[in-house]
Amino acid sequence: FHKISRSKQENDINFFENIFDFKKSGNEEFLDIYERQFFCIDKVKEIWVDSLKDSKIYDSETLNASHRFHWNNFIFHLYESDIEKNKLIDLILSWRKQFSHRKKNLSWQPYNVSERICNWIVLIHFLKGKICKDKEDILVDEIKNHIFFLAENLEYPSSGIINNHVFNNARALYIGGLFINNISITNLAEQIIKESYDKLFCKSGFLNESSTHYHFLITRSILEIYLFAREEHYNDEFCNFIRSRLNNAVNCCKFLLGEKIVDNNSMPKIGDVSPDIPFEWFNPFSDRGWSKIWNYSLDDFYRSNIKNYQLIDGWLKLNKNKWTIFTFLHPDTSEYPSGHGHNDFASINLYHNNKPILIDIGCMSYDNKNRYFNYGRNSYDHNTLQINGKSLIEPGIGRKSIISSKLRNKCSHEYNTYSINWKGTTNQNISWKRKIELLSEEKIIVNDVCDGNNFEFMRGFYYISNYLELYSQNENKIILKTKDVKADLFEFVFDKDCEIKVKDSYFFSNYGIKENIKCINTNIKYPKKNSILEINRIKL
């Protein structure tokens, strides 16, 4: 990559004013989320000083966030004063003074570099004509240096397994190459995108990393690439390539949102939740967040009359009688879990009339030194079951992946419009089955069965949405009440022989933000071998 040359026209910076729309109102609500996740913007200089001292006061993702400048996107406002606008650029100049020459610092990890390039290019469009030319030129030069550094430090892992990081590198190089008018950089980005796409995405368009949020995150990247490609008219063949892939990815987003779930926060948080953006930030069908900055129309690439699929790339949705169930089937039998997936086999996300009832709790931290590092990733953090205190499939990497792959291959499923059946065999040679039926508008059944000489006990876990609150509990019956004005009751009726506990628990509305909910824990013991849960909706 050292042979990539700077174009003769490199001083002719391209401004793509039609791509952005800064006339819409601001995104201050996301600044509040960001500051709850990481830090108040006023503290960022303090974090930079501590990172240079290597004091380890802040965890790795907080340090990464301080070097990515995502907060710029949350505070763009048309009526912001000139003083405030200059503060945005002055913060970058302060970063430049401390870190521009420290190429071995965490701040220069390629993913952080990629995020800065994209965020700074958006910022410079917002500030064009509103700051002095000298500051603008300094920022442009720093962006150029970032682009050439990134071209020589791409995130191709030693394992040879392509992940979303190199795709994010390519997004930054593509947008950056067009911005500085460097055809070599743009061509490199196109090559990476085309060569990596089929390794990153499944046949129908889902990101192959077992996470709903990461699918939205990378769909955002594809859409940004497409908007620049469409505006530049540099390579029509590539523009058509990325448009067709974008169409598939956006349709998968719609699949996860459902017909009326337009709020990302109600979408199932299956798999890891990215620290890059708040969960609700990108939704191409919404007018909030990202959509307030970028100028686009869904008519350009979205097929609104697509078939109502049940199963796409291992993502299953049952939708009948006002009930909706989402689950991920983990179709990759070579490892479990794969990518950004969790140990959540046979777990469900349950909705009634598009309102969440049973939820995936998300995750709190990527820092393995954080006390919450494993929270949200284990089988007992999901709406599934354990047998003899063990997961249905014991997860593993390296040598352990041989066992997890073997157990995954012993599992199977069947489904129709109103039910799903799982079955498998544990590492202790205990056979198990789980069947969920959507019987009517008012009732569903969850039936779990175990059998085997080594069977001792079976535990179940049910994480209750914060849309519901505990109304009453009487022996084997728990009643939950919706918090909205038109209240409904949801009655959970368990076997009489089943031990039941309602516990205080938590979920993570966004990466790093912990909030309280309730969880129902159940337990049956040998000689009993099955557990039945009946969920009834009672209209008041």
Protein backbone atom coordinates (compact mmCIF):
# COMPACT_ATOMS: atom_id res chain seq x y z
CA PHE A 1 0.00 0.00 0.00
CA HIS A 2 3.01 2.29 0.26
CA LYS A 3 2.81 2.67 -3.53
CA ILE A 4 -0.49 4.52 -3.27
CA SER A 5 0.30 8.01 -4.44
CA ARG A 6 -1.28 11.31 -3.68
CA SER A 7 -3.28 12.54 -6.66
CA LYS A 8 -2.13 15.58 -8.60
CA GLN A 9 -5.47 17.19 -7.76
CA GLU A 10 -5.17 16.46 -4.03
CA ASN A 11 -5.56 20.12 -3.14
CA ASP A 12 -8.98 20.13 -4.83
CA ILE A 13 -11.06 19.00 -1.88
CA ASN A 14 -14.49 17.70 -2.82
CA PHE A 15 -17.40 18.99 -0.78
CA PHE A 16 -20.54 16.88 -1.15
CA GLU A 17 -23.15 19.32 0.04
CA ASN A 18 -26.11 17.34 -1.37
CA ILE A 19 -25.29 14.35 0.82
CA PHE A 20 -25.97 16.14 4.10
CA ASP A 21 -28.95 18.02 5.45
CA PHE A 22 -28.03 20.10 8.49
CA LYS A 23 -31.24 22.16 8.35
CA LYS A 24 -33.13 19.61 10.42
CA SER A 25 -33.30 20.01 14.19
CA GLY A 26 -30.49 18.68 16.37
CA ASN A 27 -29.84 15.33 18.03
CA GLU A 28 -29.30 16.46 21.62
CA GLU A 29 -31.17 13.43 22.97
CA PHE A 30 -28.34 11.21 21.71
CA LEU A 31 -25.73 13.39 23.37
CA ASP A 32 -27.43 12.57 26.68
CA ILE A 33 -27.25 8.84 25.88
CA TYR A 34 -23.59 9.15 24.89
CA GLU A 35 -22.66 10.97 28.09
CA ARG A 36 -24.40 8.27 30.14
CA GLN A 37 -22.45 5.63 28.20
CA PHE A 38 -19.02 7.21 28.43
CA PHE A 39 -18.34 10.79 29.59
CA CYS A 40 -19.42 14.42 29.39
CA ILE A 41 -17.72 16.11 26.45
CA ASP A 42 -16.16 18.68 28.77
CA LYS A 43 -14.11 15.84 30.30
CA VAL A 44 -12.57 14.55 27.10
CA LYS A 45 -9.33 16.51 27.48
CA GLU A 46 -8.93 15.09 30.97
CA ILE A 47 -9.35 11.58 29.55
CA TRP A 48 -6.69 12.27 26.91
CA VAL A 49 -4.22 13.42 29.57
CA ASP A 50 -4.89 10.30 31.65
CA SER A 51 -4.47 8.05 28.61
CA LEU A 52 -1.03 9.54 27.94
CA LYS A 53 -0.09 8.87 31.57
CA ASP A 54 -1.40 5.30 31.18
CA SER A 55 -3.13 5.71 34.54
CA LYS A 56 -5.79 3.10 33.65
CA ILE A 57 -8.53 5.15 35.29
CA TYR A 58 -10.79 4.64 32.27
CA ASP A 59 -11.65 1.37 30.56
CA SER A 60 -10.56 0.65 27.00
CA GLU A 61 -13.89 1.49 25.32
CA THR A 62 -14.09 4.86 27.08
CA LEU A 63 -10.59 5.64 25.81
CA ASN A 64 -11.54 4.48 22.31
CA ALA A 65 -14.68 6.62 22.40
CA SER A 66 -12.62 9.67 23.34
CA HIS A 67 -10.60 9.26 20.13
CA ARG A 68 -13.50 8.64 17.73
CA PHE A 69 -15.34 11.99 17.97
CA HIS A 70 -18.81 10.47 17.65
CA TRP A 71 -20.19 13.26 19.82
CA ASN A 72 -19.88 15.69 16.91
CA ASN A 73 -22.86 13.98 15.26
CA PHE A 74 -25.03 14.52 18.32
CA ILE A 75 -24.51 18.29 18.66
CA PHE A 76 -24.84 19.60 15.11
CA HIS A 77 -27.35 22.42 15.23
CA LEU A 78 -28.07 24.98 12.53
CA TYR A 79 -28.45 27.80 15.04
CA GLU A 80 -25.35 27.04 17.08
CA SER A 81 -23.25 30.14 17.75
CA ASP A 82 -19.96 30.78 15.96
CA ILE A 83 -18.21 30.40 19.32
CA GLU A 84 -19.67 26.93 19.80
CA LYS A 85 -18.81 25.94 16.24
CA ASN A 86 -15.19 26.99 16.77
CA LYS A 87 -15.09 24.89 19.95
CA LEU A 88 -15.73 21.81 17.82
CA ILE A 89 -12.73 22.48 15.61
CA ASP A 90 -10.56 23.63 18.52
CA LEU A 91 -11.12 20.28 20.24
CA ILE A 92 -9.76 18.54 17.16
CA LEU A 93 -6.77 20.88 17.09
CA SER A 94 -6.13 20.03 20.74
CA TRP A 95 -6.27 16.31 19.91
CA ARG A 96 -3.92 16.90 16.98
CA LYS A 97 -1.34 18.61 19.17
CA GLN A 98 -1.29 15.73 21.66
CA PHE A 99 -1.75 12.68 19.45
CA SER A 100 -1.00 13.37 15.79
CA HIS A 101 2.63 12.28 16.20
CA ARG A 102 1.92 9.34 18.54
CA LYS A 103 1.23 6.69 15.91
CA LYS A 104 1.77 3.78 18.33
CA ASN A 105 -0.81 5.10 20.78
CA LEU A 106 -4.26 3.46 21.16
CA SER A 107 -5.65 6.57 19.46
CA TRP A 108 -4.11 5.35 16.18
CA GLN A 109 -5.67 1.92 16.18
CA PRO A 110 -7.12 1.55 12.65
CA TYR A 111 -10.72 1.33 13.83
CA ASN A 112 -10.36 4.60 15.74
CA VAL A 113 -8.68 6.20 12.73
CA SER A 114 -11.54 5.06 10.48
CA GLU A 115 -14.14 6.58 12.78
CA ARG A 116 -12.28 9.89 13.02
CA ILE A 117 -11.94 10.20 9.25
CA CYS A 118 -15.68 9.77 8.72
CA ASN A 119 -16.75 11.92 11.67
CA TRP A 120 -14.35 14.72 10.77
CA ILE A 121 -15.47 14.74 7.12
CA VAL A 122 -19.09 15.13 8.27
CA LEU A 123 -17.99 17.89 10.66
CA ILE A 124 -16.05 19.83 8.04
CA HIS A 125 -19.15 19.87 5.83
CA PHE A 126 -21.16 21.27 8.73
CA LEU A 127 -18.50 23.92 9.47
CA LYS A 128 -17.80 24.94 5.87
CA GLY A 129 -17.87 28.74 5.63
CA LYS A 130 -18.41 29.06 9.39
CA ILE A 131 -14.80 28.83 10.62
CA CYS A 132 -11.61 30.53 9.49
CA LYS A 133 -9.86 29.07 6.42
CA ASP A 134 -6.64 28.38 8.34
CA LYS A 135 -8.41 26.00 10.75
CA GLU A 136 -10.23 24.31 7.91
CA ASP A 137 -6.95 23.73 6.06
CA ILE A 138 -5.34 22.22 9.16
CA LEU A 139 -8.26 19.82 9.56
CA VAL A 140 -8.12 18.84 5.88
CA ASP A 141 -4.39 18.11 6.15
CA GLU A 142 -4.94 15.99 9.25
CA ILE A 143 -7.68 14.03 7.46
CA LYS A 144 -5.28 13.38 4.57
CA ASN A 145 -2.62 12.08 6.95
CA HIS A 146 -5.18 9.80 8.57
CA ILE A 147 -6.26 8.40 5.20
CA PHE A 148 -2.74 7.48 4.10
CA PHE A 149 -1.93 6.02 7.51
CA LEU A 150 -5.06 3.85 7.36
CA ALA A 151 -4.27 2.62 3.83
CA GLU A 152 -1.03 1.13 5.21
CA ASN A 153 -2.55 -0.24 8.44
CA LEU A 154 -5.68 -2.13 7.43
CA GLU A 155 -7.27 -4.50 9.97
CA TYR A 156 -6.80 -7.82 8.24
CA PRO A 157 -6.63 -10.28 11.17
CA SER A 158 -3.84 -12.85 11.35
CA SER A 159 -6.50 -15.57 11.52
CA GLY A 160 -7.53 -14.70 7.98
CA ILE A 161 -11.18 -14.47 9.08
CA ILE A 162 -12.59 -11.21 7.72
CA ASN A 163 -14.68 -9.21 10.18
CA ASN A 164 -16.51 -5.88 10.14
CA HIS A 165 -13.37 -3.89 11.07
CA VAL A 166 -11.77 -4.07 7.64
CA PHE A 167 -15.12 -3.13 6.09
CA ASN A 168 -15.16 -0.07 8.34
CA ASN A 169 -11.61 0.73 7.19
CA ALA A 170 -12.85 0.54 3.59
CA ARG A 171 -15.78 2.86 4.35
CA ALA A 172 -13.35 5.47 5.69
CA LEU A 173 -10.99 5.05 2.72
CA TYR A 174 -13.82 5.28 0.21
CA ILE A 175 -15.36 8.43 1.70
CA GLY A 176 -11.89 9.85 2.44
CA GLY A 177 -10.56 9.06 -1.04
CA LEU A 178 -13.43 10.88 -2.70
CA PHE A 179 -13.06 13.77 -0.25
CA ILE A 180 -9.35 14.34 -1.01
CA ASN A 181 -9.85 13.45 -4.68
CA ASN A 182 -7.44 10.49 -4.62
CA ILE A 183 -8.46 7.83 -7.12
CA SER A 184 -5.90 5.27 -5.85
CA ILE A 185 -7.40 5.35 -2.36
CA THR A 186 -10.93 5.13 -3.72
CA ASN A 187 -10.03 2.16 -5.92
CA LEU A 188 -8.42 0.39 -2.97
CA ALA A 189 -11.56 0.89 -0.90
CA GLU A 190 -13.77 -0.46 -3.67
CA GLN A 191 -11.57 -3.54 -4.00
CA ILE A 192 -11.73 -4.24 -0.25
CA ILE A 193 -15.50 -3.81 -0.16
CA LYS A 194 -16.12 -6.12 -3.11
CA GLU A 195 -13.69 -8.80 -1.95
CA SER A 196 -14.87 -8.82 1.67
CA TYR A 197 -18.62 -8.48 1.17
CA ASP A 198 -19.48 -12.15 0.58
CA LYS A 199 -17.33 -13.16 3.55
CA LEU A 200 -19.10 -10.69 5.83
CA PHE A 201 -22.70 -11.06 4.72
CA CYS A 202 -25.04 -14.00 4.35
CA LYS A 203 -26.79 -14.77 1.09
CA SER A 204 -29.97 -12.77 1.81
CA GLY A 205 -28.24 -9.74 3.27
CA PHE A 206 -27.76 -10.22 7.02
CA LEU A 207 -24.36 -9.42 8.49
CA ASN A 208 -22.79 -12.77 9.38
CA GLU A 209 -21.86 -11.81 12.96
CA SER A 210 -24.91 -12.99 14.98
CA SER A 211 -25.91 -9.53 16.26
CA THR A 212 -28.92 -7.34 15.47
CA HIS A 213 -27.17 -4.10 16.45
CA TYR A 214 -24.06 -4.85 14.43
CA HIS A 215 -26.24 -5.50 11.40
CA PHE A 216 -27.72 -2.00 11.74
CA LEU A 217 -24.26 -0.53 12.33
CA ILE A 218 -22.79 -2.00 9.14
CA THR A 219 -25.96 -1.22 7.16
CA ARG A 220 -25.34 2.40 8.10
CA SER A 221 -21.82 2.09 6.67
CA ILE A 222 -23.13 0.64 3.42
CA LEU A 223 -25.71 3.42 3.12
CA GLU A 224 -23.05 6.11 3.65
CA ILE A 225 -20.84 4.51 1.01
CA TYR A 226 -23.77 4.38 -1.39
CA LEU A 227 -24.70 8.04 -0.86
CA PHE A 228 -21.15 9.13 -1.71
CA ALA A 229 -20.96 6.73 -4.68
CA ARG A 230 -24.27 8.02 -6.07
CA GLU A 231 -23.25 11.65 -5.69
CA GLU A 232 -19.76 11.28 -7.14
CA HIS A 233 -20.72 9.29 -10.29
CA TYR A 234 -17.12 8.05 -10.30
CA ASN A 235 -17.84 4.37 -10.91
CA ASP A 236 -21.38 3.40 -11.91
CA GLU A 237 -20.61 -0.31 -11.74
CA PHE A 238 -19.53 -0.02 -8.11
CA CYS A 239 -22.51 2.22 -7.31
CA ASN A 240 -24.90 -0.43 -8.65
CA PHE A 241 -23.02 -3.14 -6.72
CA ILE A 242 -23.33 -1.31 -3.41
CA ARG A 243 -26.94 -0.30 -4.10
CA SER A 244 -28.07 -3.90 -4.55
CA ARG A 245 -26.30 -4.97 -1.35
CA LEU A 246 -27.76 -2.01 0.51
CA ASN A 247 -31.22 -3.02 -0.62
CA ASN A 248 -30.79 -6.47 0.94
CA ALA A 249 -29.31 -5.11 4.17
CA VAL A 250 -32.11 -2.55 4.63
CA ASN A 251 -34.76 -5.22 4.06
CA CYS A 252 -33.14 -7.26 6.83
CA CYS A 253 -33.38 -4.19 9.09
CA LYS A 254 -37.08 -4.03 8.32
CA PHE A 255 -37.42 -7.72 9.13
CA LEU A 256 -36.02 -7.07 12.62
CA LEU A 257 -38.14 -3.98 13.19
CA GLY A 258 -41.37 -5.66 12.13
CA GLU A 259 -44.31 -3.88 10.60
CA LYS A 260 -44.92 -1.42 13.43
CA ILE A 261 -41.76 -1.56 15.53
CA VAL A 262 -40.29 1.73 14.30
CA ASP A 263 -38.39 2.42 17.52
CA ASN A 264 -35.00 0.68 17.56
CA ASN A 265 -35.15 0.53 21.33
CA SER A 266 -37.97 -2.02 21.04
CA MET A 267 -36.02 -4.12 18.55
CA PRO A 268 -34.51 -7.36 19.90
CA LYS A 269 -30.97 -6.86 21.23
CA ILE A 270 -29.76 -10.29 20.14
CA GLY A 271 -25.98 -10.68 20.34
CA ASP A 272 -23.50 -7.95 21.20
CA VAL A 273 -24.44 -4.28 21.31
CA SER A 274 -21.85 -2.01 19.72
CA PRO A 275 -20.26 0.83 21.70
CA ASP A 276 -19.93 2.83 18.46
CA ILE A 277 -23.43 4.28 18.29
CA PRO A 278 -26.50 4.36 20.56
CA PHE A 279 -28.93 1.55 19.81
CA GLU A 280 -31.52 3.98 18.38
CA TRP A 281 -29.06 6.14 16.39
CA PHE A 282 -29.40 4.48 12.99
CA ASN A 283 -32.79 3.46 11.67
CA PRO A 284 -33.36 4.17 7.96
CA PHE A 285 -37.13 4.13 8.52
CA SER A 286 -37.01 6.80 11.23
CA ASP A 287 -36.55 10.57 11.13
CA ARG A 288 -34.40 10.55 14.28
CA GLY A 289 -30.66 10.37 14.86
CA TRP A 290 -28.53 9.63 11.81
CA SER A 291 -31.45 10.44 9.48
CA LYS A 292 -31.38 14.07 10.61
CA ILE A 293 -27.89 14.57 9.18
CA TRP A 294 -27.92 12.62 5.92
CA ASN A 295 -30.01 13.46 2.85
CA TYR A 296 -31.56 10.31 1.39
CA SER A 297 -34.81 8.72 0.28
CA LEU A 298 -35.77 5.11 0.84
CA ASP A 299 -37.32 5.13 -2.62
CA ASP A 300 -33.81 5.04 -4.05
CA PHE A 301 -33.08 1.50 -2.92
CA TYR A 302 -35.78 -0.06 -0.71
CA ARG A 303 -38.37 -2.59 -1.93
CA SER A 304 -41.38 -1.84 0.26
CA ASN A 305 -43.42 -4.72 -1.19
CA ILE A 306 -41.09 -7.55 -0.19
CA LYS A 307 -42.45 -10.94 0.77
CA ASN A 308 -43.24 -11.41 4.44
CA TYR A 309 -40.46 -13.89 5.21
CA GLN A 310 -40.33 -15.99 8.38
CA LEU A 311 -36.68 -17.07 8.15
CA ILE A 312 -33.76 -15.06 6.77
CA ASP A 313 -30.15 -16.24 7.18
CA GLY A 314 -30.88 -18.02 10.47
CA TRP A 315 -33.06 -15.24 11.92
CA LEU A 316 -36.55 -16.60 12.61
CA LYS A 317 -39.70 -14.57 13.23
CA LEU A 318 -43.09 -16.03 14.13
CA ASN A 319 -45.90 -13.52 13.72
CA LYS A 320 -49.44 -14.64 14.46
CA ASN A 321 -52.45 -13.57 16.53
CA LYS A 322 -50.74 -10.30 17.58
CA TRP A 323 -47.82 -12.29 19.07
CA THR A 324 -44.33 -11.98 17.60
CA ILE A 325 -41.34 -14.14 18.46
CA PHE A 326 -37.76 -13.47 17.35
CA THR A 327 -34.97 -16.00 17.75
CA PHE A 328 -31.56 -16.63 16.22
CA LEU A 329 -30.95 -20.24 15.18
CA HIS A 330 -27.13 -20.07 14.99
CA PRO A 331 -26.91 -21.67 11.52
CA ASP A 332 -23.10 -21.79 11.56
CA THR A 333 -22.48 -25.27 12.97
CA SER A 334 -18.69 -24.94 12.86
CA GLU A 335 -18.58 -22.80 16.02
CA TYR A 336 -20.88 -21.60 18.78
CA PRO A 337 -21.44 -18.78 19.24
CA SER A 338 -19.95 -17.09 16.18
CA GLY A 339 -18.95 -13.46 15.62
CA HIS A 340 -20.71 -11.16 18.07
CA GLY A 341 -23.17 -13.88 19.11
CA HIS A 342 -24.12 -14.90 22.64
CA ASN A 343 -24.72 -18.22 24.39
CA ASP A 344 -28.45 -17.95 23.73
CA PHE A 345 -29.55 -21.10 21.92
CA ALA A 346 -33.36 -21.56 22.00
CA SER A 347 -33.82 -18.12 23.57
CA ILE A 348 -36.76 -15.98 22.42
CA ASN A 349 -37.74 -12.33 22.29
CA LEU A 350 -41.51 -12.10 22.73
CA TYR A 351 -43.81 -9.25 21.68
CA HIS A 352 -47.54 -8.69 21.88
CA ASN A 353 -49.07 -6.13 19.57
CA ASN A 354 -45.50 -4.91 18.86
CA LYS A 355 -44.80 -4.25 22.57
CA PRO A 356 -41.88 -6.14 24.17
CA ILE A 357 -42.78 -8.77 26.79
CA LEU A 358 -39.65 -10.96 27.07
CA ILE A 359 -36.40 -9.29 26.05
CA ASP A 360 -32.74 -9.86 25.40
CA ILE A 361 -30.87 -7.76 27.94
CA GLY A 362 -28.00 -6.65 25.67
CA CYS A 363 -24.49 -6.29 27.10
CA MET A 364 -22.60 -3.82 29.25
CA SER A 365 -18.89 -3.83 28.46
CA TYR A 366 -16.20 -5.14 26.10
CA ASP A 367 -13.42 -4.50 28.61
CA ASN A 368 -12.42 -7.85 30.13
CA LYS A 369 -11.27 -6.01 33.26
CA ASN A 370 -14.73 -4.56 33.80
CA ARG A 371 -16.86 -6.37 36.41
CA TYR A 372 -19.74 -6.36 33.91
CA PHE A 373 -17.69 -7.86 31.07
CA ASN A 374 -19.61 -11.17 30.91
CA TYR A 375 -23.02 -9.73 31.79
CA GLY A 376 -25.55 -10.42 29.06
CA ARG A 377 -23.50 -13.08 27.26
CA ASN A 378 -24.25 -16.24 29.27
CA SER A 379 -27.14 -18.66 28.82
CA TYR A 380 -28.66 -17.58 32.15
CA ASP A 381 -28.82 -14.02 30.78
CA HIS A 382 -31.34 -15.09 28.12
CA ASN A 383 -34.88 -16.45 27.86
CA THR A 384 -33.74 -20.03 27.56
CA LEU A 385 -32.99 -22.99 29.84
CA GLN A 386 -30.11 -24.77 31.52
CA ILE A 387 -29.87 -28.47 32.30
CA ASN A 388 -27.95 -29.54 35.42
CA GLY A 389 -26.62 -25.96 35.57
CA LYS A 390 -25.11 -26.19 32.07
CA SER A 391 -25.95 -24.49 28.79
CA LEU A 392 -27.77 -26.43 26.08
CA ILE A 393 -24.64 -25.96 23.99
CA GLU A 394 -21.46 -25.27 25.92
CA PRO A 395 -19.74 -22.41 24.09
CA GLY A 396 -16.11 -22.58 23.16
CA ILE A 397 -13.25 -21.20 21.13
CA GLY A 398 -10.02 -22.90 20.14
CA ARG A 399 -10.03 -26.55 21.24
CA LYS A 400 -13.33 -26.07 23.04
CA SER A 401 -14.95 -25.12 19.73
CA ILE A 402 -14.71 -28.80 18.71
CA ILE A 403 -17.09 -29.72 21.54
CA SER A 404 -19.43 -26.78 20.94
CA SER A 405 -19.57 -27.57 17.21
CA LYS A 406 -20.34 -31.22 17.95
CA LEU A 407 -23.19 -30.24 20.29
CA ARG A 408 -24.54 -27.67 17.81
CA ASN A 409 -24.65 -30.36 15.12
CA LYS A 410 -26.79 -32.49 17.44
CA CYS A 411 -29.42 -29.74 17.59
CA SER A 412 -32.25 -29.26 15.12
CA HIS A 413 -35.41 -27.22 14.73
CA GLU A 414 -38.77 -27.22 12.97
CA TYR A 415 -41.19 -24.35 12.59
CA ASN A 416 -44.45 -23.29 10.98
CA THR A 417 -46.55 -20.13 11.13
CA TYR A 418 -47.54 -20.57 14.76
CA SER A 419 -44.87 -22.71 16.48
CA ILE A 420 -41.20 -23.61 16.75
CA ASN A 421 -39.65 -26.83 18.04
CA TRP A 422 -36.01 -27.21 19.09
CA LYS A 423 -34.34 -30.45 20.16
CA GLY A 424 -30.83 -31.53 21.00
CA THR A 425 -28.50 -33.45 23.30
CA THR A 426 -26.29 -31.92 25.99
CA ASN A 427 -22.66 -32.75 26.75
CA GLN A 428 -23.97 -35.02 29.56
CA ASN A 429 -25.98 -37.00 26.98
CA ILE A 430 -29.32 -35.59 28.16
CA SER A 431 -31.86 -35.11 25.39
CA TRP A 432 -34.01 -31.98 25.50
CA LYS A 433 -36.89 -30.37 23.60
CA ARG A 434 -38.42 -26.91 23.64
CA LYS A 435 -41.71 -26.12 21.90
CA ILE A 436 -43.38 -22.72 21.71
CA GLU A 437 -46.90 -22.37 20.32
CA LEU A 438 -48.85 -19.20 19.53
CA LEU A 439 -52.28 -20.66 20.26
CA SER A 440 -54.50 -17.59 20.06
CA GLU A 441 -54.50 -13.83 20.42
CA GLU A 442 -54.66 -14.35 24.17
CA LYS A 443 -52.41 -17.36 24.82
CA ILE A 444 -49.03 -18.95 24.10
CA ILE A 445 -47.43 -22.11 25.53
CA VAL A 446 -43.75 -22.83 26.29
CA ASN A 447 -43.07 -26.54 26.86
CA ASP A 448 -39.58 -27.74 27.90
CA VAL A 449 -38.78 -31.47 28.24
CA CYS A 450 -35.62 -33.35 29.33
CA ASP A 451 -34.75 -37.03 29.40
CA GLY A 452 -31.62 -38.99 30.30
CA ASN A 453 -30.02 -41.02 33.07
CA ASN A 454 -27.89 -38.07 34.19
CA PHE A 455 -30.76 -35.57 34.45
CA GLU A 456 -31.02 -33.82 37.84
CA PHE A 457 -32.68 -30.41 37.35
CA MET A 458 -33.71 -27.88 34.70
CA ARG A 459 -33.73 -24.10 35.13
CA GLY A 460 -35.61 -21.54 33.06
CA PHE A 461 -35.03 -17.81 32.72
CA TYR A 462 -37.50 -15.13 31.60
CA TYR A 463 -36.39 -11.50 31.39
CA ILE A 464 -39.34 -9.11 31.62
CA SER A 465 -39.42 -5.94 29.54
CA ASN A 466 -39.38 -2.59 31.35
CA TYR A 467 -42.67 -2.01 29.54
CA LEU A 468 -44.17 -4.28 32.22
CA GLU A 469 -44.27 -4.13 36.01
CA LEU A 470 -45.09 -6.76 38.63
CA TYR A 471 -48.80 -6.66 39.50
CA SER A 472 -49.22 -9.74 41.71
CA GLN A 473 -47.79 -13.16 42.54
CA ASN A 474 -49.70 -16.12 43.96
CA GLU A 475 -47.93 -19.50 44.16
CA ASN A 476 -47.40 -20.60 40.55
CA LYS A 477 -49.08 -17.57 38.96
CA ILE A 478 -47.38 -14.24 38.23
CA ILE A 479 -49.30 -11.29 36.76
CA LEU A 480 -47.54 -8.41 35.03
CA LYS A 481 -49.16 -5.11 34.10
CA THR A 482 -48.32 -2.80 31.19
CA LYS A 483 -47.28 0.72 32.12
CA ASP A 484 -49.18 2.54 29.38
CA VAL A 485 -52.61 4.15 29.70
CA LYS A 486 -54.48 1.29 28.04
CA ALA A 487 -53.27 -1.29 30.51
CA ASP A 488 -53.19 -5.02 29.80
CA LEU A 489 -52.30 -7.84 32.12
CA PHE A 490 -50.03 -10.73 31.19
CA GLU A 491 -50.46 -13.82 33.32
CA PHE A 492 -47.55 -16.28 33.59
CA VAL A 493 -48.83 -19.65 34.85
CA PHE A 494 -46.23 -22.32 35.72
CA ASP A 495 -46.50 -25.95 36.82
CA LYS A 496 -47.43 -26.45 40.45
CA ASP A 497 -44.29 -28.52 41.00
CA CYS A 498 -42.08 -25.76 39.59
CA GLU A 499 -39.98 -23.58 41.90
CA ILE A 500 -40.52 -19.92 40.96
CA LYS A 501 -38.63 -16.79 41.97
CA VAL A 502 -39.17 -13.23 40.76
CA LYS A 503 -35.82 -11.48 41.05
CA ASP A 504 -34.53 -7.97 40.59
CA SER A 505 -32.44 -7.93 37.46
CA TYR A 506 -31.14 -5.53 34.82
CA PHE A 507 -30.90 -4.85 31.12
CA PHE A 508 -28.67 -2.58 29.08
CA SER A 509 -30.73 -0.10 27.08
CA ASN A 510 -27.47 0.89 25.37
CA TYR A 511 -23.87 -0.21 25.65
CA GLY A 512 -22.69 0.87 29.11
CA ILE A 513 -26.13 1.88 30.46
CA LYS A 514 -27.59 -0.46 33.08
CA GLU A 515 -31.28 -0.28 34.00
CA ASN A 516 -33.53 -2.32 36.29
CA ILE A 517 -36.08 -4.94 35.27
CA LYS A 518 -37.53 -8.16 36.72
CA CYS A 519 -36.53 -11.72 35.87
CA ILE A 520 -38.50 -14.90 36.55
CA ASN A 521 -36.30 -17.89 37.44
CA THR A 522 -37.79 -21.40 37.45
CA ASN A 523 -36.48 -24.81 38.49
CA ILE A 524 -37.78 -28.37 38.23
CA LYS A 525 -36.07 -31.41 39.71
CA TYR A 526 -35.95 -35.10 38.88
CA PRO A 527 -38.17 -37.17 38.72
CA LYS A 528 -40.19 -34.41 37.03
CA LYS A 529 -38.82 -33.96 33.50
CA ASN A 530 -40.90 -31.28 31.86
CA SER A 531 -41.91 -27.68 32.52
CA ILE A 532 -44.91 -25.89 30.99
CA LEU A 533 -45.42 -22.14 30.95
CA GLU A 534 -48.72 -20.66 29.83
CA ILE A 535 -48.74 -16.93 29.04
CA ASN A 536 -52.19 -15.35 28.93
CA ARG A 537 -52.97 -11.82 27.88
CA ILE A 538 -55.85 -10.35 29.89
CA LYS A 539 -57.42 -7.15 28.61
CA LEU A 540 -58.69 -4.78 31.28
